[in-house]
């Protein structure tokens, strides 16, 4: 039996925020993978090493966590006043599917850098020294992100002294602005609060009636109070991810919240939509020890937040969920806002398993409806490896 040889595809392996992913230019993909469909999904699955019943992604570029099983496709933008189109694919680890339903806020920090270095941004827009403003069209959710990328000698400056909890080494700071981040999901009608309520009651089997804030901002997110489900908000990954009953509980909350948000019609559909919505639990400030061993004092933060991604507690915080946290915190009466002490605010610092993060949001009420003009946070990004990724020629 004859086997096709491997093919090689230009690719760059990058860290963005607390995530890693394989970045491609659309024009570099094999022709049949340049359009959405089964061929593209099969290619990205093989690149990352999924589906893997062992859960390790040994035969691919994935790192066997939701934070490291990611792909990005970029192209010059056809949108007016934008530089680059950014498409994100969250690759499942043990199952054969790629979830295109949302953005990755962490990898958003690497998009501007990759776009500049790959020739996708007009040279006239890149200063010799200073900061390049890259206007990104986030194609998954139809939103604008503005990345402020430091430049030295006409090239992206990656090294620096900006420290980000959840990332071991410092790097250059990249400020991100998520413009009008309320998600426009067809199922939710584009509303920031799809039910029209700041706090809803969910009937969840095994839990009963549970208060929840359901918000579309950055990424559709379901917030619940930690104490209502038996937690403190100080938990690290092992407290949740090693407990099958806990994971089943959070998936039930996520599925029922997704139905209430109009993202799916029946809870059974949640299994095929793992990337969205996210589910998170919040609590008032408390002292705790982060995963690095650093002691985080209650006085350092406004609230505590723990969030799950792709069925597991995240080691830090998803960037898009941070946008949801900042937005919800800015709106008096949400569970996030109340955990942070209530009242109006334009920025919040929250504690997560790896440390703390500050995010700002500008929210206002117009005609009885809440809107947010933008959310702001800082991340960092770095190229880890560049060249070609190889896959068997019959893999897609």
Protein backbone atom coordinates (compact mmCIF):
# COMPACT_ATOMS: atom_id res chain seq x y z
CA UNK A 1 0.00 0.00 0.00
CA UNK A 2 1.38 3.39 -1.02
CA UNK A 3 1.36 6.25 1.46
CA UNK A 4 1.45 9.91 0.50
CA UNK A 5 4.49 11.82 1.78
CA UNK A 6 4.18 14.64 4.27
CA UNK A 7 3.61 18.17 3.05
CA UNK A 8 4.97 21.26 4.73
CA UNK A 9 3.03 24.47 5.36
CA UNK A 10 4.54 27.80 6.46
CA UNK A 11 3.53 28.40 10.07
CA UNK A 12 4.54 30.23 13.23
CA UNK A 13 4.15 28.94 16.78
CA UNK A 14 3.36 31.85 19.09
CA UNK A 15 2.49 32.63 22.66
CA UNK A 16 -0.18 35.25 23.12
CA UNK A 17 -1.10 36.13 26.69
CA UNK A 18 -1.46 32.85 28.61
CA UNK A 19 -2.16 30.77 25.48
CA UNK A 20 -0.14 29.25 22.63
CA UNK A 21 -1.21 28.49 19.09
CA UNK A 22 -0.16 27.77 15.53
CA UNK A 23 -0.51 30.83 13.26
CA UNK A 24 -1.01 30.67 9.49
CA UNK A 25 -1.40 33.17 6.71
CA UNK A 26 -4.51 32.22 4.73
CA UNK A 27 -2.55 32.38 1.48
CA UNK A 28 -0.08 29.76 2.76
CA UNK A 29 -2.68 27.08 3.44
CA UNK A 30 -3.28 24.35 0.84
CA UNK A 31 -5.93 25.56 -1.61
CA UNK A 32 -8.73 23.32 -0.35
CA UNK A 33 -8.10 24.51 3.21
CA UNK A 34 -8.29 28.20 2.27
CA UNK A 35 -12.07 28.05 2.57
CA UNK A 36 -14.17 26.96 5.56
CA UNK A 37 -15.20 23.33 5.55
CA UNK A 38 -14.20 19.74 6.33
CA UNK A 39 -10.78 19.98 4.62
CA UNK A 40 -9.73 22.98 6.71
CA UNK A 41 -10.95 21.39 9.93
CA UNK A 42 -9.22 18.08 9.15
CA UNK A 43 -5.95 19.89 8.41
CA UNK A 44 -5.99 21.86 11.67
CA UNK A 45 -6.92 18.77 13.67
CA UNK A 46 -3.89 16.93 12.23
CA UNK A 47 -1.60 19.91 12.83
CA UNK A 48 -2.58 20.06 16.49
CA UNK A 49 -2.70 16.27 16.95
CA UNK A 50 -6.41 15.65 17.48
CA UNK A 51 -8.49 13.68 18.09
CA UNK A 52 -6.28 11.96 20.64
CA UNK A 53 -7.94 9.33 22.89
CA UNK A 54 -4.85 9.51 25.11
CA UNK A 55 -5.50 13.23 25.68
CA UNK A 56 -1.85 14.18 25.12
CA UNK A 57 -1.63 15.42 21.49
CA UNK A 58 1.79 13.76 21.24
CA UNK A 59 1.61 13.56 17.42
CA UNK A 60 0.93 17.26 16.88
CA UNK A 61 1.64 20.80 17.96
CA UNK A 62 -1.01 20.91 20.70
CA UNK A 63 -0.13 20.95 24.38
CA UNK A 64 -3.10 18.90 25.63
CA UNK A 65 -4.86 21.82 27.33
CA UNK A 66 -7.49 24.25 26.10
CA UNK A 67 -4.85 27.03 26.30
CA UNK A 68 -2.48 25.22 23.94
CA UNK A 69 -4.86 23.54 21.46
CA UNK A 70 -5.42 26.57 19.26
CA UNK A 71 -5.04 27.73 15.67
CA UNK A 72 -5.16 31.14 13.99
CA UNK A 73 -5.61 32.09 10.33
CA UNK A 74 -4.82 35.65 9.23
CA UNK A 75 -5.23 37.54 5.98
CA UNK A 76 -5.21 41.12 4.76
CA UNK A 77 -8.56 42.62 5.62
CA UNK A 78 -11.24 43.41 3.08
CA UNK A 79 -13.00 45.47 5.75
CA UNK A 80 -12.69 49.26 5.48
CA UNK A 81 -10.39 50.78 8.11
CA UNK A 82 -8.97 47.39 9.15
CA UNK A 83 -5.54 45.89 8.52
CA UNK A 84 -6.04 42.19 9.06
CA UNK A 85 -8.79 39.58 9.37
CA UNK A 86 -8.32 37.21 12.31
CA UNK A 87 -10.01 33.82 12.42
CA UNK A 88 -9.60 31.61 15.51
CA UNK A 89 -10.13 27.86 15.73
CA UNK A 90 -10.31 26.11 19.10
CA UNK A 91 -9.30 22.51 18.48
CA UNK A 92 -10.88 19.84 20.66
CA UNK A 93 -8.37 17.46 22.23
CA UNK A 94 -10.12 14.10 22.36
CA UNK A 95 -12.84 14.75 19.79
CA UNK A 96 -12.67 15.41 16.04
CA UNK A 97 -13.95 18.95 15.76
CA UNK A 98 -12.79 22.55 15.58
CA UNK A 99 -14.96 25.12 17.36
CA UNK A 100 -15.26 28.39 15.44
CA UNK A 101 -17.93 29.92 17.71
CA UNK A 102 -15.79 32.48 19.53
CA UNK A 103 -12.59 34.46 19.81
CA UNK A 104 -9.42 33.86 21.84
CA UNK A 105 -8.59 37.04 23.73
CA UNK A 106 -5.15 35.84 24.74
CA UNK A 107 -4.01 35.00 21.21
CA UNK A 108 -5.44 38.36 20.12
CA UNK A 109 -2.28 39.81 21.69
CA UNK A 110 -0.15 37.97 19.13
CA UNK A 111 -2.23 38.84 16.06
CA UNK A 112 -0.82 42.33 15.56
CA UNK A 113 2.76 41.14 15.97
CA UNK A 114 2.30 38.26 13.54
CA UNK A 115 0.50 40.47 11.02
CA UNK A 116 3.34 43.02 11.02
CA UNK A 117 6.12 40.42 10.82
CA UNK A 118 4.30 38.51 8.06
CA UNK A 119 3.80 41.49 5.77
CA UNK A 120 0.04 41.71 6.27
CA UNK A 121 0.17 45.33 7.46
CA UNK A 122 1.15 48.12 5.07
CA UNK A 123 4.71 49.27 5.76
CA UNK A 124 3.53 52.88 5.83
CA UNK A 125 1.62 52.11 9.04
CA UNK A 126 4.67 50.86 10.91
CA UNK A 127 6.89 53.47 12.58
CA UNK A 128 10.65 53.02 12.81
CA UNK A 129 10.37 53.35 16.57
CA UNK A 130 7.31 53.70 18.75
CA UNK A 131 3.97 51.90 18.70
CA UNK A 132 2.14 50.48 15.67
CA UNK A 133 -1.64 50.50 15.81
CA UNK A 134 -2.99 47.37 14.15
CA UNK A 135 -6.72 47.34 13.36
CA UNK A 136 -7.97 43.75 13.58
CA UNK A 137 -11.28 42.38 12.33
CA UNK A 138 -12.20 39.41 14.55
CA UNK A 139 -14.02 37.28 12.00
CA UNK A 140 -15.50 34.72 14.42
CA UNK A 141 -17.66 37.28 16.22
CA UNK A 142 -17.60 40.25 13.82
CA UNK A 143 -15.84 42.70 16.14
CA UNK A 144 -12.92 45.12 16.01
CA UNK A 145 -9.81 44.74 18.16
CA UNK A 146 -7.09 47.38 18.19
CA UNK A 147 -3.62 46.16 19.12
CA UNK A 148 -0.88 48.59 20.13
CA UNK A 149 2.34 46.80 19.21
CA UNK A 150 5.76 48.18 20.30
CA UNK A 151 8.23 48.70 17.45
CA UNK A 152 12.01 49.11 17.58
CA UNK A 153 14.08 49.66 14.46
CA UNK A 154 11.06 48.98 12.25
CA UNK A 155 10.51 45.50 13.73
CA UNK A 156 8.22 44.14 16.43
CA UNK A 157 9.72 44.52 19.91
CA UNK A 158 9.01 41.28 21.76
CA UNK A 159 11.31 41.51 24.77
CA UNK A 160 10.57 43.76 27.73
CA UNK A 161 9.81 43.96 31.43
CA UNK A 162 6.01 43.58 31.40
CA UNK A 163 5.00 40.74 33.70
CA UNK A 164 1.77 38.81 33.20
CA UNK A 165 0.60 36.38 35.87
CA UNK A 166 0.37 32.93 34.32
CA UNK A 167 3.41 33.56 32.08
CA UNK A 168 6.83 32.70 33.51
CA UNK A 169 9.01 35.28 31.79
CA UNK A 170 8.52 39.03 31.17
CA UNK A 171 8.06 40.45 27.66
CA UNK A 172 7.00 43.64 25.89
CA UNK A 173 3.55 44.98 26.76
CA UNK A 174 0.84 44.87 24.09
CA UNK A 175 -2.26 46.89 24.91
CA UNK A 176 -5.53 45.63 23.44
CA UNK A 177 -8.77 47.50 22.93
CA UNK A 178 -11.85 45.34 22.34
CA UNK A 179 -14.24 47.72 20.63
CA UNK A 180 -17.99 47.38 21.24
CA UNK A 181 -17.32 43.93 22.67
CA UNK A 182 -20.93 42.86 23.29
CA UNK A 183 -21.10 39.69 21.21
CA UNK A 184 -23.52 39.58 18.32
CA UNK A 185 -24.62 35.97 18.36
CA UNK A 186 -27.64 35.31 16.15
CA UNK A 187 -29.16 33.06 18.79
CA UNK A 188 -28.97 35.76 21.42
CA UNK A 189 -30.17 38.55 19.16
CA UNK A 190 -27.01 40.56 19.67
CA UNK A 191 -28.03 41.76 23.15
CA UNK A 192 -25.39 42.13 25.85
CA UNK A 193 -27.87 40.57 28.29
CA UNK A 194 -29.82 38.15 26.07
CA UNK A 195 -32.60 37.61 28.62
CA UNK A 196 -32.92 41.32 29.39
CA UNK A 197 -31.97 40.65 33.03
CA UNK A 198 -28.78 41.41 34.94
CA UNK A 199 -29.40 38.35 37.12
CA UNK A 200 -31.38 35.28 36.07
CA UNK A 201 -32.43 32.11 37.85
CA UNK A 202 -31.33 28.85 36.27
CA UNK A 203 -32.92 25.54 37.16
CA UNK A 204 -30.01 23.10 37.06
CA UNK A 205 -30.45 19.40 37.87
CA UNK A 206 -28.50 18.50 40.99
CA UNK A 207 -28.26 22.13 42.03
CA UNK A 208 -31.77 23.53 41.93
CA UNK A 209 -32.39 27.22 41.38
CA UNK A 210 -29.15 29.10 40.82
CA UNK A 211 -28.63 32.83 40.34
CA UNK A 212 -26.57 33.67 37.25
CA UNK A 213 -25.48 36.67 35.21
CA UNK A 214 -25.63 35.78 31.51
CA UNK A 215 -23.63 38.22 29.41
CA UNK A 216 -22.44 38.51 25.81
CA UNK A 217 -19.27 40.60 26.01
CA UNK A 218 -15.93 39.42 24.68
CA UNK A 219 -17.38 35.92 24.74
CA UNK A 220 -20.73 34.61 25.96
CA UNK A 221 -20.22 33.91 29.67
CA UNK A 222 -22.27 32.53 32.55
CA UNK A 223 -21.32 33.89 35.98
CA UNK A 224 -22.49 32.26 39.21
CA UNK A 225 -21.61 32.88 42.86
CA UNK A 226 -18.93 30.55 44.21
CA UNK A 227 -20.64 30.00 47.54
CA UNK A 228 -23.87 28.95 45.84
CA UNK A 229 -22.13 25.87 44.42
CA UNK A 230 -19.93 25.10 47.42
CA UNK A 231 -16.73 26.92 46.49
CA UNK A 232 -14.75 29.87 47.87
CA UNK A 233 -13.29 31.37 44.70
CA UNK A 234 -9.77 30.54 45.89
CA UNK A 235 -9.61 27.18 44.11
CA UNK A 236 -6.72 26.12 41.89
CA UNK A 237 -6.92 23.70 38.96
CA UNK A 238 -6.47 20.48 40.92
CA UNK A 239 -9.47 21.24 43.13
CA UNK A 240 -11.79 21.18 40.10
CA UNK A 241 -10.12 19.28 37.30
CA UNK A 242 -9.50 16.19 39.43
CA UNK A 243 -13.15 15.99 40.46
CA UNK A 244 -15.42 14.40 37.81
CA UNK A 245 -18.55 15.39 39.74
CA UNK A 246 -17.44 19.02 39.81
CA UNK A 247 -16.75 19.04 36.07
CA UNK A 248 -20.16 17.49 35.41
CA UNK A 249 -21.77 20.16 37.59
CA UNK A 250 -20.13 23.00 35.67
CA UNK A 251 -21.02 21.45 32.32
CA UNK A 252 -24.66 21.21 33.43
CA UNK A 253 -24.61 24.89 34.43
CA UNK A 254 -22.99 25.77 31.09
CA UNK A 255 -25.49 23.77 29.06
CA UNK A 256 -28.57 25.18 30.80
CA UNK A 257 -27.16 28.71 30.64
CA UNK A 258 -26.48 28.30 26.92
CA UNK A 259 -30.13 27.38 26.35
CA UNK A 260 -31.31 30.40 28.36
CA UNK A 261 -28.97 32.64 26.33
CA UNK A 262 -30.42 31.35 23.07
CA UNK A 263 -27.08 29.92 21.93
CA UNK A 264 -28.47 26.38 21.65
CA UNK A 265 -31.97 24.95 21.65
CA UNK A 266 -31.40 21.92 23.87
CA UNK A 267 -28.82 21.07 26.54
CA UNK A 268 -27.65 18.07 24.48
CA UNK A 269 -26.27 20.47 21.85
CA UNK A 270 -23.72 21.89 24.31
CA UNK A 271 -21.36 18.97 23.66
CA UNK A 272 -20.83 20.22 20.09
CA UNK A 273 -20.24 23.80 21.23
CA UNK A 274 -17.47 23.48 23.79
CA UNK A 275 -15.73 26.83 23.27
CA UNK A 276 -18.80 28.92 24.06
CA UNK A 277 -20.34 29.89 26.35
CA UNK A 278 -17.83 29.99 29.19
CA UNK A 279 -18.84 29.38 32.78
CA UNK A 280 -17.20 31.17 35.72
CA UNK A 281 -17.73 31.58 39.45
CA UNK A 282 -17.09 34.74 41.45
CA UNK A 283 -16.48 35.60 45.09
CA UNK A 284 -15.55 38.55 47.26
CA UNK A 285 -11.84 39.20 47.88
CA UNK A 286 -9.92 36.76 50.07
CA UNK A 287 -6.30 35.81 50.70
CA UNK A 288 -5.08 32.80 48.70
CA UNK A 289 -1.92 31.21 47.32
CA UNK A 290 -1.62 31.27 43.51
CA UNK A 291 -0.39 28.27 41.51
CA UNK A 292 3.10 29.81 41.39
CA UNK A 293 3.24 29.84 45.19
CA UNK A 294 2.82 33.62 45.40
CA UNK A 295 0.51 34.83 48.12
CA UNK A 296 -2.26 37.06 46.81
CA UNK A 297 -3.71 39.32 49.49
CA UNK A 298 -7.40 40.21 49.54
CA UNK A 299 -6.39 43.88 49.46
CA UNK A 300 -4.76 43.38 46.04
CA UNK A 301 -8.00 42.53 44.25
CA UNK A 302 -11.60 43.67 43.89
CA UNK A 303 -12.96 40.14 43.54
CA UNK A 304 -12.01 36.53 42.80
CA UNK A 305 -12.91 34.75 39.56
CA UNK A 306 -12.37 31.20 38.38
CA UNK A 307 -13.39 30.19 34.85
CA UNK A 308 -13.63 26.96 32.89
CA UNK A 309 -12.57 26.53 29.28
CA UNK A 310 -13.25 23.45 27.16
CA UNK A 311 -14.51 21.60 30.23
CA UNK A 312 -11.58 22.31 32.57
CA UNK A 313 -10.68 25.04 35.04
CA UNK A 314 -8.36 27.48 33.29
CA UNK A 315 -4.88 27.91 34.73
CA UNK A 316 -5.20 31.71 34.60
CA UNK A 317 -7.96 33.57 32.73
CA UNK A 318 -9.10 33.56 29.13
CA UNK A 319 -8.69 37.01 27.58
CA UNK A 320 -12.23 37.07 26.23
CA UNK A 321 -13.60 36.06 29.64
CA UNK A 322 -11.57 38.91 31.14
CA UNK A 323 -13.46 41.26 28.81
CA UNK A 324 -16.72 39.76 30.10
CA UNK A 325 -15.53 40.22 33.69
CA UNK A 326 -14.56 43.85 33.13
CA UNK A 327 -17.82 44.61 31.37
CA UNK A 328 -20.02 42.90 33.96
CA UNK A 329 -18.09 44.58 36.78
CA UNK A 330 -18.83 47.99 35.25
CA UNK A 331 -22.61 47.41 35.33
CA UNK A 332 -24.20 47.82 38.77
CA UNK A 333 -26.29 44.84 39.84
CA UNK A 334 -24.56 41.96 38.04
CA UNK A 335 -23.13 39.16 40.17
CA UNK A 336 -19.65 40.23 39.11
CA UNK A 337 -20.29 43.83 40.11
CA UNK A 338 -21.78 42.82 43.46
CA UNK A 339 -18.83 40.53 44.24
CA UNK A 340 -16.55 43.51 43.57
CA UNK A 341 -18.47 45.64 46.07
CA UNK A 342 -21.14 47.14 43.81
CA UNK A 343 -21.41 50.64 42.40
CA UNK A 344 -20.09 52.19 39.21
CA UNK A 345 -16.53 51.40 38.12
CA UNK A 346 -14.44 51.58 34.94
CA UNK A 347 -11.75 49.08 35.93
CA UNK A 348 -11.44 46.00 38.08
CA UNK A 349 -8.55 43.87 39.32
CA UNK A 350 -9.49 40.27 39.91
CA UNK A 351 -7.70 37.27 41.34
CA UNK A 352 -7.38 34.11 39.22
CA UNK A 353 -5.49 30.83 39.80
CA UNK A 354 -2.17 32.23 38.56
CA UNK A 355 -2.37 35.68 40.16
CA UNK A 356 -4.15 38.90 39.28
CA UNK A 357 -5.27 40.80 36.19
CA UNK A 358 -6.61 44.30 35.65
CA UNK A 359 -9.18 45.01 32.94
CA UNK A 360 -11.07 48.19 32.17
CA UNK A 361 -14.44 48.70 30.49
CA UNK A 362 -16.53 51.74 29.59
CA UNK A 363 -20.22 50.91 29.98
CA UNK A 364 -23.27 53.15 29.80
CA UNK A 365 -27.04 52.80 29.74
CA UNK A 366 -28.92 54.11 26.72
CA UNK A 367 -32.69 53.87 26.52
CA UNK A 368 -32.73 51.28 29.28
CA UNK A 369 -30.18 49.06 27.49
CA UNK A 370 -26.61 48.63 28.64
CA UNK A 371 -23.84 49.09 26.08
CA UNK A 372 -20.08 49.00 26.38
CA UNK A 373 -17.91 51.06 24.03
CA UNK A 374 -14.67 49.20 24.68
CA UNK A 375 -12.74 47.02 27.08
CA UNK A 376 -9.00 47.46 27.61
CA UNK A 377 -6.30 45.18 28.95
CA UNK A 378 -2.61 44.51 28.51
CA UNK A 379 -1.04 41.22 27.48
CA UNK A 380 2.22 40.19 25.83
CA UNK A 381 3.23 37.98 22.91
CA UNK A 382 6.28 36.21 21.56
CA UNK A 383 7.29 34.06 18.61
CA UNK A 384 8.38 30.65 19.89
CA UNK A 385 9.22 29.00 16.57
CA UNK A 386 8.75 29.72 12.89
CA UNK A 387 9.19 27.71 9.72
CA UNK A 388 6.95 24.92 8.46
CA UNK A 389 4.57 22.52 10.08
CA UNK A 390 4.33 19.09 8.46
CA UNK A 391 1.28 16.85 8.03
CA UNK A 392 0.68 13.65 6.04
CA UNK A 393 -0.56 14.49 2.57
CA UNK A 394 -3.72 12.41 3.00
CA UNK A 395 -4.67 14.00 6.34
CA UNK A 396 -7.24 16.42 4.94
